[in-house]
Amino acid sequence: MAAASPDEEGLLAAVDAERERLLLQAERDAEGVRAGADEYARQVLEELQERLQKIQTSVQNGISELKRP
């Protein structure tokens, strides 16, 4: 197999550099998506916790009311 010409070597280096840049950008983008998804999940879970606490309070109040003589 013949050795690559200087032009081919330059092109291969440019392609490799672009590949590396794209991989790094994809990793940054993926991290941003994960962070956004984690924040959304945290917010949903906190809202669910608040609703459950309100329901629990209502249930406890109902039980207390039913226990009154």
N, C-alpha and C. Protein backbone atom coordinates (compact mmCIF):
# COMPACT_ATOMS: atom_id res chain seq x y z
N MET A 1 0.84 -1.17 0.00
CA MET A 1 0.00 0.00 0.00
C MET A 1 0.90 1.24 0.00
N ALA A 2 0.54 2.21 -0.79
CA ALA A 2 1.35 3.41 -0.93
C ALA A 2 1.14 4.34 0.26
N ALA A 3 2.16 5.09 0.59
CA ALA A 3 2.07 6.05 1.69
C ALA A 3 1.13 7.18 1.29
N ALA A 4 0.45 7.74 2.28
CA ALA A 4 -0.48 8.83 2.02
C ALA A 4 0.30 10.09 1.64
N SER A 5 -0.26 10.83 0.71
CA SER A 5 0.37 12.09 0.31
C SER A 5 0.17 13.12 1.43
N PRO A 6 0.97 14.18 1.39
CA PRO A 6 0.80 15.23 2.41
C PRO A 6 -0.63 15.79 2.44
N ASP A 7 -1.26 15.92 1.26
CA ASP A 7 -2.65 16.41 1.21
C ASP A 7 -3.59 15.43 1.90
N GLU A 8 -3.38 14.14 1.63
CA GLU A 8 -4.23 13.12 2.26
C GLU A 8 -4.02 13.10 3.77
N GLU A 9 -2.78 13.24 4.20
CA GLU A 9 -2.49 13.25 5.62
C GLU A 9 -3.16 14.45 6.29
N GLY A 10 -3.13 15.60 5.64
CA GLY A 10 -3.77 16.79 6.16
C GLY A 10 -5.28 16.61 6.25
N LEU A 11 -5.85 15.99 5.22
CA LEU A 11 -7.28 15.74 5.21
C LEU A 11 -7.65 14.76 6.32
N LEU A 12 -6.87 13.71 6.49
CA LEU A 12 -7.14 12.74 7.55
C LEU A 12 -7.04 13.38 8.92
N ALA A 13 -6.07 14.26 9.11
CA ALA A 13 -5.92 14.96 10.38
C ALA A 13 -7.11 15.87 10.63
N ALA A 14 -7.58 16.54 9.58
CA ALA A 14 -8.74 17.43 9.72
C ALA A 14 -9.99 16.62 10.05
N VAL A 15 -10.16 15.49 9.39
CA VAL A 15 -11.31 14.63 9.66
C VAL A 15 -11.25 14.11 11.10
N ASP A 16 -10.08 13.72 11.53
CA ASP A 16 -9.92 13.22 12.90
C ASP A 16 -10.21 14.31 13.92
N ALA A 17 -9.75 15.52 13.66
CA ALA A 17 -10.00 16.64 14.58
C ALA A 17 -11.49 16.96 14.63
N GLU A 18 -12.16 16.93 13.49
CA GLU A 18 -13.60 17.19 13.45
C GLU A 18 -14.37 16.10 14.18
N ARG A 19 -13.94 14.87 14.02
CA ARG A 19 -14.58 13.75 14.72
C ARG A 19 -14.45 13.95 16.22
N GLU A 20 -13.29 14.33 16.67
CA GLU A 20 -13.06 14.55 18.10
C GLU A 20 -13.91 15.71 18.61
N ARG A 21 -13.99 16.78 17.82
CA ARG A 21 -14.80 17.94 18.21
C ARG A 21 -16.28 17.54 18.33
N LEU A 22 -16.75 16.76 17.36
CA LEU A 22 -18.15 16.32 17.39
C LEU A 22 -18.44 15.41 18.58
N LEU A 23 -17.51 14.54 18.90
CA LEU A 23 -17.69 13.66 20.06
C LEU A 23 -17.76 14.46 21.35
N LEU A 24 -16.86 15.44 21.50
CA LEU A 24 -16.87 16.27 22.70
C LEU A 24 -18.16 17.08 22.81
N GLN A 25 -18.62 17.61 21.67
CA GLN A 25 -19.87 18.38 21.66
C GLN A 25 -21.05 17.47 22.02
N ALA A 26 -21.07 16.26 21.50
CA ALA A 26 -22.14 15.32 21.81
C ALA A 26 -22.14 14.97 23.29
N GLU A 27 -20.96 14.81 23.88
CA GLU A 27 -20.87 14.52 25.31
C GLU A 27 -21.39 15.69 26.13
N ARG A 28 -21.05 16.92 25.74
CA ARG A 28 -21.55 18.10 26.45
C ARG A 28 -23.06 18.21 26.33
N ASP A 29 -23.56 17.98 25.12
CA ASP A 29 -25.01 18.03 24.90
C ASP A 29 -25.73 16.97 25.73
N ALA A 30 -25.19 15.78 25.76
CA ALA A 30 -25.80 14.69 26.53
C ALA A 30 -25.81 15.02 28.02
N GLU A 31 -24.75 15.62 28.51
CA GLU A 31 -24.70 16.00 29.92
C GLU A 31 -25.76 17.05 30.23
N GLY A 32 -25.96 17.97 29.31
CA GLY A 32 -27.00 18.98 29.49
C GLY A 32 -28.39 18.35 29.53
N VAL A 33 -28.62 17.40 28.66
CA VAL A 33 -29.91 16.70 28.63
C VAL A 33 -30.12 15.94 29.93
N ARG A 34 -29.09 15.24 30.38
CA ARG A 34 -29.20 14.49 31.65
C ARG A 34 -29.49 15.43 32.82
N ALA A 35 -28.80 16.55 32.85
CA ALA A 35 -29.02 17.51 33.94
C ALA A 35 -30.45 18.04 33.91
N GLY A 36 -30.95 18.34 32.73
CA GLY A 36 -32.32 18.81 32.59
C GLY A 36 -33.33 17.76 33.01
N ALA A 37 -33.08 16.52 32.63
CA ALA A 37 -33.98 15.43 33.00
C ALA A 37 -33.96 15.20 34.51
N ASP A 38 -32.79 15.29 35.11
CA ASP A 38 -32.68 15.12 36.56
C ASP A 38 -33.44 16.23 37.30
N GLU A 39 -33.32 17.44 36.82
CA GLU A 39 -34.01 18.57 37.45
C GLU A 39 -35.53 18.40 37.33
N TYR A 40 -35.98 17.99 36.16
CA TYR A 40 -37.41 17.76 35.95
C TYR A 40 -37.92 16.66 36.88
N ALA A 41 -37.19 15.56 36.97
CA ALA A 41 -37.58 14.46 37.84
C ALA A 41 -37.62 14.91 39.30
N ARG A 42 -36.66 15.71 39.73
CA ARG A 42 -36.63 16.22 41.10
C ARG A 42 -37.87 17.06 41.38
N GLN A 43 -38.21 17.94 40.43
CA GLN A 43 -39.38 18.80 40.61
C GLN A 43 -40.66 17.97 40.70
N VAL A 44 -40.81 16.99 39.83
CA VAL A 44 -42.00 16.15 39.85
C VAL A 44 -42.09 15.38 41.16
N LEU A 45 -40.98 14.83 41.62
CA LEU A 45 -40.99 14.08 42.87
C LEU A 45 -41.31 14.98 44.07
N GLU A 46 -40.79 16.20 44.06
CA GLU A 46 -41.11 17.13 45.15
C GLU A 46 -42.59 17.49 45.16
N GLU A 47 -43.17 17.70 43.98
CA GLU A 47 -44.60 17.99 43.90
C GLU A 47 -45.42 16.79 44.37
N LEU A 48 -45.01 15.61 44.00
CA LEU A 48 -45.69 14.39 44.44
C LEU A 48 -45.60 14.25 45.96
N GLN A 49 -44.44 14.55 46.51
CA GLN A 49 -44.27 14.47 47.96
C GLN A 49 -45.21 15.44 48.67
N GLU A 50 -45.34 16.65 48.14
CA GLU A 50 -46.25 17.63 48.73
C GLU A 50 -47.69 17.13 48.70
N ARG A 51 -48.10 16.57 47.55
CA ARG A 51 -49.47 16.06 47.44
C ARG A 51 -49.71 14.91 48.42
N LEU A 52 -48.73 14.02 48.52
CA LEU A 52 -48.87 12.88 49.44
C LEU A 52 -48.96 13.35 50.89
N GLN A 53 -48.19 14.37 51.23
CA GLN A 53 -48.25 14.91 52.59
C GLN A 53 -49.63 15.49 52.88
N LYS A 54 -50.21 16.18 51.89
CA LYS A 54 -51.56 16.73 52.07
C LYS A 54 -52.59 15.61 52.22
N ILE A 55 -52.45 14.57 51.43
CA ILE A 55 -53.37 13.42 51.53
C ILE A 55 -53.21 12.76 52.89
N GLN A 56 -51.97 12.58 53.33
CA GLN A 56 -51.72 11.95 54.63
C GLN A 56 -52.34 12.78 55.75
N THR A 57 -52.21 14.07 55.67
CA THR A 57 -52.82 14.95 56.68
C THR A 57 -54.34 14.80 56.66
N SER A 58 -54.93 14.76 55.48
CA SER A 58 -56.38 14.58 55.37
C SER A 58 -56.82 13.25 55.96
N VAL A 59 -56.08 12.20 55.69
CA VAL A 59 -56.41 10.87 56.24
C VAL A 59 -56.30 10.90 57.76
N GLN A 60 -55.23 11.47 58.27
CA GLN A 60 -55.05 11.55 59.73
C GLN A 60 -56.17 12.36 60.37
N ASN A 61 -56.55 13.47 59.75
CA ASN A 61 -57.65 14.27 60.28
C ASN A 61 -58.95 13.48 60.27
N GLY A 62 -59.19 12.74 59.20
CA GLY A 62 -60.39 11.91 59.12
C GLY A 62 -60.42 10.85 60.20
N ILE A 63 -59.31 10.19 60.42
CA ILE A 63 -59.22 9.17 61.47
C ILE A 63 -59.45 9.81 62.84
N SER A 64 -58.83 10.94 63.08
CA SER A 64 -59.02 11.63 64.36
C SER A 64 -60.48 12.02 64.57
N GLU A 65 -61.12 12.47 63.53
CA GLU A 65 -62.53 12.87 63.61
C GLU A 65 -63.40 11.66 63.92
N LEU A 66 -63.10 10.55 63.33
CA LEU A 66 -63.90 9.34 63.55
C LEU A 66 -63.67 8.74 64.94
N LYS A 67 -62.54 9.04 65.55
CA LYS A 67 -62.23 8.51 66.89
C LYS A 67 -62.88 9.35 67.98
N ARG A 68 -63.40 10.51 67.66
CA ARG A 68 -64.03 11.34 68.69
C ARG A 68 -65.27 10.64 69.23
N PRO A 69 -65.50 10.75 70.53
CA PRO A 69 -66.69 10.11 71.12
C PRO A 69 -67.97 10.83 70.77
